[in-house]
Amino acid sequence: MATWLISGVNIWFGAAVAVVITVFLLEIGFMIIGKSGMGVFDTMPDQRTYPYSAPCRLPSYVTHVIKWVGLDAMPNMQWLSLFLTLFAIAGYSVSLLVTKLLPAIHTSSFILPLATTLAVIGCSLCGQSLTTLLHGSHSRFSKAYCGCAAQITVGEARVGNPAEGRFTDGEHQTRYILIEPENAQCAFSPGDTVILVRPSPPYWLAKRYDHRAV
């Protein structure tokens, strides 16, 4: 049985399990020192430090895909852990069924795409429920968050092109949301601090943080 788990195409699913276990152990280590590693890939370098690179703008269809797969509802590392877990479960299940029923099509070209598709669908279905379980049942669009300071983490936010951001609520929980400037003349880059003005599902409208007003 142990050999079957890491033989042939199943080695990909074994690797996924190994990555999830490694992330879990690292997170325990971070928690011991009072930190969390789940947001380690959510703070990207400020694009303004690269004057010769074009600004990163996400097409609207990419934003919809990000929302559909649940990436807007949880940290990137948390989503990756969920995806890899579902990928391994789906992969082993499909591999076992194909081995028993249709051994002739037990190939990487058939099993890997199917396992990946099932894992993505699983993330879409389970992502919001998992986020609610981990971070509470309060809506990400509660007006109680108006006035909170948030930081842009991934992408450049413009009107019609929201970017990912995060903020800490009153219960000290980190929340991940899509943010769009309320002013068409304004744009936010990774690392910028903004103030949440009002919810406009599926994103928040925000204005640039003015430290001179503090």
C-alpha atoms as a PDB file:
ATOM      1  CA  MET A   1       0.000   0.000   0.000  1.00  0.00           C
ATOM      2  CA  ALA A   2       2.792   2.419   0.914  1.00  0.00           C
ATOM      3  CA  THR A   3       4.492   1.713  -2.415  1.00  0.00           C
ATOM      4  CA  TRP A   4       1.250   2.388  -4.325  1.00  0.00           C
ATOM      5  CA  LEU A   5       0.899   5.811  -2.629  1.00  0.00           C
ATOM      6  CA  ILE A   6       4.169   7.042  -4.130  1.00  0.00           C
ATOM      7  CA  SER A   7       4.424   5.045  -7.359  1.00  0.00           C
ATOM      8  CA  GLY A   8       3.755   6.232 -10.878  1.00  0.00           C
ATOM      9  CA  VAL A   9       1.326   9.122 -11.157  1.00  0.00           C
ATOM     10  CA  ASN A  10       0.593   8.886  -7.416  1.00  0.00           C
ATOM     11  CA  ILE A  11       3.960  10.437  -6.636  1.00  0.00           C
ATOM     12  CA  TRP A  12       2.400  13.838  -7.440  1.00  0.00           C
ATOM     13  CA  PHE A  13      -0.283  13.312  -4.805  1.00  0.00           C
ATOM     14  CA  GLY A  14       2.279  12.104  -2.276  1.00  0.00           C
ATOM     15  CA  ALA A  15       4.304  15.258  -2.929  1.00  0.00           C
ATOM     16  CA  ALA A  16       1.187  17.379  -2.359  1.00  0.00           C
ATOM     17  CA  VAL A  17       0.609  15.681   0.999  1.00  0.00           C
ATOM     18  CA  ALA A  18       4.264  16.231   1.944  1.00  0.00           C
ATOM     19  CA  VAL A  19       4.009  19.962   1.149  1.00  0.00           C
ATOM     20  CA  VAL A  20       0.837  20.330   3.231  1.00  0.00           C
ATOM     21  CA  ILE A  21       2.438  18.542   6.191  1.00  0.00           C
ATOM     22  CA  THR A  22       5.528  20.760   5.875  1.00  0.00           C
ATOM     23  CA  VAL A  23       3.407  23.922   5.804  1.00  0.00           C
ATOM     24  CA  PHE A  24       1.451  22.667   8.827  1.00  0.00           C
ATOM     25  CA  LEU A  25       4.645  22.030  10.812  1.00  0.00           C
ATOM     26  CA  LEU A  26       6.065  25.427   9.834  1.00  0.00           C
ATOM     27  CA  GLU A  27       2.839  27.125  10.902  1.00  0.00           C
ATOM     28  CA  ILE A  28       3.066  25.415  14.293  1.00  0.00           C
ATOM     29  CA  GLY A  29       6.608  26.770  14.586  1.00  0.00           C
ATOM     30  CA  PHE A  30       5.430  30.286  13.685  1.00  0.00           C
ATOM     31  CA  MET A  31       2.609  30.057  16.233  1.00  0.00           C
ATOM     32  CA  ILE A  32       5.096  29.087  18.965  1.00  0.00           C
ATOM     33  CA  ILE A  33       6.950  32.362  18.389  1.00  0.00           C
ATOM     34  CA  GLY A  34       3.676  34.292  18.205  1.00  0.00           C
ATOM     35  CA  LYS A  35       3.429  34.833  14.465  1.00  0.00           C
ATOM     36  CA  SER A  36       1.709  33.302  11.466  1.00  0.00           C
ATOM     37  CA  GLY A  37       3.226  32.248   8.173  1.00  0.00           C
ATOM     38  CA  MET A  38      -0.068  31.989   6.287  1.00  0.00           C
ATOM     39  CA  GLY A  39       0.273  35.493   4.861  1.00  0.00           C
ATOM     40  CA  VAL A  40       3.918  35.152   3.852  1.00  0.00           C
ATOM     41  CA  PHE A  41       3.159  35.290   0.109  1.00  0.00           C
ATOM     42  CA  ASP A  42       0.448  37.940   0.358  1.00  0.00           C
ATOM     43  CA  THR A  43       2.694  40.974   0.775  1.00  0.00           C
ATOM     44  CA  MET A  44       4.361  41.525  -2.561  1.00  0.00           C
ATOM     45  CA  PRO A  45       7.250  43.957  -3.216  1.00  0.00           C
ATOM     46  CA  ASP A  46       6.172  47.531  -3.825  1.00  0.00           C
ATOM     47  CA  GLN A  47       6.150  47.980  -7.591  1.00  0.00           C
ATOM     48  CA  ARG A  48       7.291  51.576  -7.204  1.00  0.00           C
ATOM     49  CA  THR A  49      10.786  50.220  -6.418  1.00  0.00           C
ATOM     50  CA  TYR A  50      10.941  48.892  -9.977  1.00  0.00           C
ATOM     51  CA  PRO A  51      10.625  52.021 -12.130  1.00  0.00           C
ATOM     52  CA  TYR A  52      11.310  50.180 -15.366  1.00  0.00           C
ATOM     53  CA  SER A  53       8.620  47.531 -14.983  1.00  0.00           C
ATOM     54  CA  ALA A  54       5.069  47.984 -16.173  1.00  0.00           C
ATOM     55  CA  PRO A  55       2.396  48.214 -13.480  1.00  0.00           C
ATOM     56  CA  CYS A  56       0.596  44.959 -12.725  1.00  0.00           C
ATOM     57  CA  ARG A  57      -3.035  45.204 -13.728  1.00  0.00           C
ATOM     58  CA  LEU A  58      -5.377  42.275 -13.408  1.00  0.00           C
ATOM     59  CA  PRO A  59      -7.928  41.885 -16.226  1.00  0.00           C
ATOM     60  CA  SER A  60     -11.511  41.791 -14.980  1.00  0.00           C
ATOM     61  CA  TYR A  61     -11.935  38.143 -15.943  1.00  0.00           C
ATOM     62  CA  VAL A  62      -8.920  37.246 -13.764  1.00  0.00           C
ATOM     63  CA  THR A  63     -10.575  38.992 -10.812  1.00  0.00           C
ATOM     64  CA  HIS A  64     -13.710  36.911 -11.338  1.00  0.00           C
ATOM     65  CA  VAL A  65     -11.663  33.721 -11.514  1.00  0.00           C
ATOM     66  CA  ILE A  66      -9.842  34.655  -8.289  1.00  0.00           C
ATOM     67  CA  LYS A  67     -13.174  35.191  -6.586  1.00  0.00           C
ATOM     68  CA  TRP A  68     -14.676  31.971  -7.969  1.00  0.00           C
ATOM     69  CA  VAL A  69     -11.842  29.746  -6.765  1.00  0.00           C
ATOM     70  CA  GLY A  70     -11.927  31.389  -3.311  1.00  0.00           C
ATOM     71  CA  LEU A  71      -8.580  33.202  -3.448  1.00  0.00           C
ATOM     72  CA  ASP A  72     -10.254  36.440  -2.348  1.00  0.00           C
ATOM     73  CA  ALA A  73     -11.541  34.798   0.839  1.00  0.00           C
ATOM     74  CA  MET A  74      -8.339  33.493   2.412  1.00  0.00           C
ATOM     75  CA  PRO A  75      -4.551  33.982   2.473  1.00  0.00           C
ATOM     76  CA  ASN A  76      -2.696  32.604  -0.528  1.00  0.00           C
ATOM     77  CA  MET A  77      -0.822  30.011   1.547  1.00  0.00           C
ATOM     78  CA  GLN A  78      -4.034  28.859   3.207  1.00  0.00           C
ATOM     79  CA  TRP A  79      -5.671  28.489  -0.205  1.00  0.00           C
ATOM     80  CA  LEU A  80      -2.656  26.581  -1.524  1.00  0.00           C
ATOM     81  CA  SER A  81      -2.810  24.185   1.428  1.00  0.00           C
ATOM     82  CA  LEU A  82      -6.517  23.598   0.788  1.00  0.00           C
ATOM     83  CA  PHE A  83      -5.899  23.066  -2.934  1.00  0.00           C
ATOM     84  CA  LEU A  84      -3.066  20.591  -2.371  1.00  0.00           C
ATOM     85  CA  THR A  85      -5.127  18.660   0.174  1.00  0.00           C
ATOM     86  CA  LEU A  86      -8.090  18.378  -2.205  1.00  0.00           C
ATOM     87  CA  PHE A  87      -5.717  17.597  -5.081  1.00  0.00           C
ATOM     88  CA  ALA A  88      -4.243  14.671  -3.145  1.00  0.00           C
ATOM     89  CA  ILE A  89      -7.652  13.357  -2.036  1.00  0.00           C
ATOM     90  CA  ALA A  90      -9.116  13.634  -5.539  1.00  0.00           C
ATOM     91  CA  GLY A  91      -5.992  12.201  -7.135  1.00  0.00           C
ATOM     92  CA  TYR A  92      -5.771   9.143  -4.932  1.00  0.00           C
ATOM     93  CA  SER A  93      -9.522   8.539  -5.282  1.00  0.00           C
ATOM     94  CA  VAL A  94      -9.484   8.799  -9.080  1.00  0.00           C
ATOM     95  CA  SER A  95      -6.321   6.710  -9.304  1.00  0.00           C
ATOM     96  CA  LEU A  96      -7.856   3.943  -7.191  1.00  0.00           C
ATOM     97  CA  LEU A  97     -11.105   3.912  -9.170  1.00  0.00           C
ATOM     98  CA  VAL A  98      -9.330   3.901 -12.529  1.00  0.00           C
ATOM     99  CA  THR A  99      -7.001   1.117 -11.366  1.00  0.00           C
ATOM    100  CA  LYS A 100      -9.991  -1.032 -10.420  1.00  0.00           C
ATOM    101  CA  LEU A 101     -12.343  -0.189 -13.280  1.00  0.00           C
ATOM    102  CA  LEU A 102     -10.363   1.097 -16.277  1.00  0.00           C
ATOM    103  CA  PRO A 103      -6.661   0.274 -15.877  1.00  0.00           C
ATOM    104  CA  ALA A 104      -6.040   1.036 -19.565  1.00  0.00           C
ATOM    105  CA  ILE A 105      -6.458   4.799 -18.951  1.00  0.00           C
ATOM    106  CA  HIS A 106      -4.400   4.904 -15.742  1.00  0.00           C
ATOM    107  CA  THR A 107      -2.069   7.573 -17.127  1.00  0.00           C
ATOM    108  CA  SER A 108      -0.755  10.939 -15.944  1.00  0.00           C
ATOM    109  CA  SER A 109      -2.361  12.729 -18.896  1.00  0.00           C
ATOM    110  CA  PHE A 110      -5.811  11.590 -17.718  1.00  0.00           C
ATOM    111  CA  ILE A 111      -5.545  11.517 -13.911  1.00  0.00           C
ATOM    112  CA  LEU A 112      -3.582  14.740 -13.228  1.00  0.00           C
ATOM    113  CA  PRO A 113      -5.894  17.130 -15.161  1.00  0.00           C
ATOM    114  CA  LEU A 114      -8.964  15.468 -13.642  1.00  0.00           C
ATOM    115  CA  ALA A 115      -7.552  15.687 -10.098  1.00  0.00           C
ATOM    116  CA  THR A 116      -6.593  19.344 -10.651  1.00  0.00           C
ATOM    117  CA  THR A 117     -10.069  20.205 -11.949  1.00  0.00           C
ATOM    118  CA  LEU A 118     -11.757  18.479  -9.004  1.00  0.00           C
ATOM    119  CA  ALA A 119      -9.437  20.267  -6.562  1.00  0.00           C
ATOM    120  CA  VAL A 120     -10.226  23.696  -8.057  1.00  0.00           C
ATOM    121  CA  ILE A 121     -13.957  22.980  -7.921  1.00  0.00           C
ATOM    122  CA  GLY A 122     -13.535  21.831  -4.322  1.00  0.00           C
ATOM    123  CA  CYS A 123     -11.748  25.089  -3.440  1.00  0.00           C
ATOM    124  CA  SER A 124     -14.618  27.047  -4.961  1.00  0.00           C
ATOM    125  CA  LEU A 125     -17.201  25.079  -2.966  1.00  0.00           C
ATOM    126  CA  CYS A 126     -15.313  24.807   0.327  1.00  0.00           C
ATOM    127  CA  GLY A 127     -13.300  28.034   0.408  1.00  0.00           C
ATOM    128  CA  GLN A 128     -15.990  30.321   1.807  1.00  0.00           C
ATOM    129  CA  SER A 129     -17.152  27.747   4.373  1.00  0.00           C
ATOM    130  CA  LEU A 130     -13.589  27.213   5.566  1.00  0.00           C
ATOM    131  CA  THR A 131     -13.002  30.953   5.840  1.00  0.00           C
ATOM    132  CA  THR A 132     -16.180  31.348   7.899  1.00  0.00           C
ATOM    133  CA  LEU A 133     -15.080  28.504  10.161  1.00  0.00           C
ATOM    134  CA  LEU A 134     -11.609  29.950  10.683  1.00  0.00           C
ATOM    135  CA  HIS A 135     -12.396  33.649  10.822  1.00  0.00           C
ATOM    136  CA  GLY A 136     -15.944  33.835  12.133  1.00  0.00           C
ATOM    137  CA  SER A 137     -19.298  34.370  10.531  1.00  0.00           C
ATOM    138  CA  HIS A 138     -19.135  38.162  10.204  1.00  0.00           C
ATOM    139  CA  SER A 139     -19.599  39.330   6.669  1.00  0.00           C
ATOM    140  CA  ARG A 140     -16.555  40.738   4.904  1.00  0.00           C
ATOM    141  CA  PHE A 141     -18.849  43.538   3.761  1.00  0.00           C
ATOM    142  CA  SER A 142     -20.053  44.595   7.214  1.00  0.00           C
ATOM    143  CA  LYS A 143     -20.333  48.368   7.510  1.00  0.00           C
ATOM    144  CA  ALA A 144     -18.600  48.015  10.870  1.00  0.00           C
ATOM    145  CA  TYR A 145     -15.337  47.856   8.909  1.00  0.00           C
ATOM    146  CA  CYS A 146     -15.811  51.293   7.371  1.00  0.00           C
ATOM    147  CA  GLY A 147     -12.849  53.442   8.353  1.00  0.00           C
ATOM    148  CA  CYS A 148     -10.485  50.515   8.876  1.00  0.00           C
ATOM    149  CA  ALA A 149      -6.983  50.802   7.448  1.00  0.00           C
ATOM    150  CA  ALA A 150      -6.098  48.118   4.903  1.00  0.00           C
ATOM    151  CA  GLN A 151      -2.974  47.302   2.929  1.00  0.00           C
ATOM    152  CA  ILE A 152      -2.859  46.393  -0.750  1.00  0.00           C
ATOM    153  CA  THR A 153      -1.137  43.015  -1.066  1.00  0.00           C
ATOM    154  CA  VAL A 154      -1.439  41.774  -4.654  1.00  0.00           C
ATOM    155  CA  GLY A 155      -2.135  43.669  -7.896  1.00  0.00           C
ATOM    156  CA  GLU A 156      -2.768  47.299  -8.748  1.00  0.00           C
ATOM    157  CA  ALA A 157      -6.213  48.626  -7.856  1.00  0.00           C
ATOM    158  CA  ARG A 158      -8.019  50.937 -10.261  1.00  0.00           C
ATOM    159  CA  VAL A 159     -11.671  51.659 -10.907  1.00  0.00           C
ATOM    160  CA  GLY A 160     -13.020  48.543 -12.592  1.00  0.00           C
ATOM    161  CA  ASN A 161      -9.934  46.553 -11.603  1.00  0.00           C
ATOM    162  CA  PRO A 162      -9.907  45.674  -7.878  1.00  0.00           C
ATOM    163  CA  ALA A 163      -6.810  44.275  -6.159  1.00  0.00           C
ATOM    164  CA  GLU A 164      -6.344  42.065  -3.123  1.00  0.00           C
ATOM    165  CA  GLY A 165      -5.922  43.750   0.244  1.00  0.00           C
ATOM    166  CA  ARG A 166      -5.975  42.795   3.896  1.00  0.00           C
ATOM    167  CA  PHE A 167      -6.923  44.397   7.195  1.00  0.00           C
ATOM    168  CA  THR A 168      -7.312  43.423  10.838  1.00  0.00           C
ATOM    169  CA  ASP A 169     -10.811  43.543  12.326  1.00  0.00           C
ATOM    170  CA  GLY A 170     -11.842  44.304  15.885  1.00  0.00           C
ATOM    171  CA  GLU A 171     -11.349  40.665  16.867  1.00  0.00           C
ATOM    172  CA  HIS A 172      -7.722  40.791  15.662  1.00  0.00           C
ATOM    173  CA  GLN A 173      -8.523  38.511  12.725  1.00  0.00           C
ATOM    174  CA  THR A 174      -6.790  39.187   9.418  1.00  0.00           C
ATOM    175  CA  ARG A 175      -9.309  39.469   6.591  1.00  0.00           C
ATOM    176  CA  TYR A 176      -8.603  39.402   2.864  1.00  0.00           C
ATOM    177  CA  ILE A 177     -10.796  41.425   0.530  1.00  0.00           C
ATOM    178  CA  LEU A 178     -10.864  42.942  -2.942  1.00  0.00           C
ATOM    179  CA  ILE A 179     -10.328  46.708  -2.935  1.00  0.00           C
ATOM    180  CA  GLU A 180     -11.105  49.328  -5.562  1.00  0.00           C
ATOM    181  CA  PRO A 181     -10.488  53.102  -5.314  1.00  0.00           C
ATOM    182  CA  GLU A 182     -13.606  55.244  -5.005  1.00  0.00           C
ATOM    183  CA  ASN A 183     -11.952  57.940  -7.115  1.00  0.00           C
ATOM    184  CA  ALA A 184     -11.399  57.193 -10.812  1.00  0.00           C
ATOM    185  CA  GLN A 185      -8.242  59.327 -10.749  1.00  0.00           C
ATOM    186  CA  CYS A 186      -6.680  57.215  -8.021  1.00  0.00           C
ATOM    187  CA  ALA A 187      -4.717  53.936  -8.155  1.00  0.00           C
ATOM    188  CA  PHE A 188      -3.307  51.751  -5.383  1.00  0.00           C
ATOM    189  CA  SER A 189      -0.127  49.658  -5.636  1.00  0.00           C
ATOM    190  CA  PRO A 190       1.086  46.767  -3.448  1.00  0.00           C
ATOM    191  CA  GLY A 191       2.203  48.106  -0.071  1.00  0.00           C
ATOM    192  CA  ASP A 192      -0.112  51.137  -0.147  1.00  0.00           C
ATOM    193  CA  THR A 193      -2.246  51.793   2.932  1.00  0.00           C
ATOM    194  CA  VAL A 194      -5.868  52.738   2.246  1.00  0.00           C
ATOM    195  CA  ILE A 195      -8.994  53.493   4.257  1.00  0.00           C
ATOM    196  CA  LEU A 196     -12.112  51.406   3.654  1.00  0.00           C
ATOM    197  CA  VAL A 197     -14.953  53.774   2.759  1.00  0.00           C
ATOM    198  CA  ARG A 198     -17.931  51.552   1.999  1.00  0.00           C
ATOM    199  CA  PRO A 199     -18.710  48.030   0.793  1.00  0.00           C
ATOM    200  CA  SER A 200     -19.694  47.457  -2.819  1.00  0.00           C
ATOM    201  CA  PRO A 201     -19.810  43.637  -3.102  1.00  0.00           C
ATOM    202  CA  PRO A 202     -17.824  41.815  -4.322  1.00  0.00           C
ATOM    203  CA  TYR A 203     -15.228  44.443  -3.337  1.00  0.00           C
ATOM    204  CA  TRP A 204     -14.661  47.448  -1.049  1.00  0.00           C
ATOM    205  CA  LEU A 205     -14.328  51.061  -2.123  1.00  0.00           C
ATOM    206  CA  ALA A 206     -11.400  52.802  -0.464  1.00  0.00           C
ATOM    207  CA  LYS A 207      -9.446  56.036  -0.398  1.00  0.00           C
ATOM    208  CA  ARG A 208      -5.745  56.607   0.042  1.00  0.00           C
ATOM    209  CA  TYR A 209      -4.547  56.908   3.618  1.00  0.00           C
ATOM    210  CA  ASP A 210      -3.415  60.454   4.379  1.00  0.00           C
ATOM    211  CA  HIS A 211      -0.934  60.299   7.239  1.00  0.00           C
ATOM    212  CA  ARG A 212      -0.947  64.111   7.457  1.00  0.00           C
ATOM    213  CA  ALA A 213      -4.533  63.983   8.722  1.00  0.00           C
ATOM    214  CA  VAL A 214      -3.505  61.873  11.724  1.00  0.00           C
END
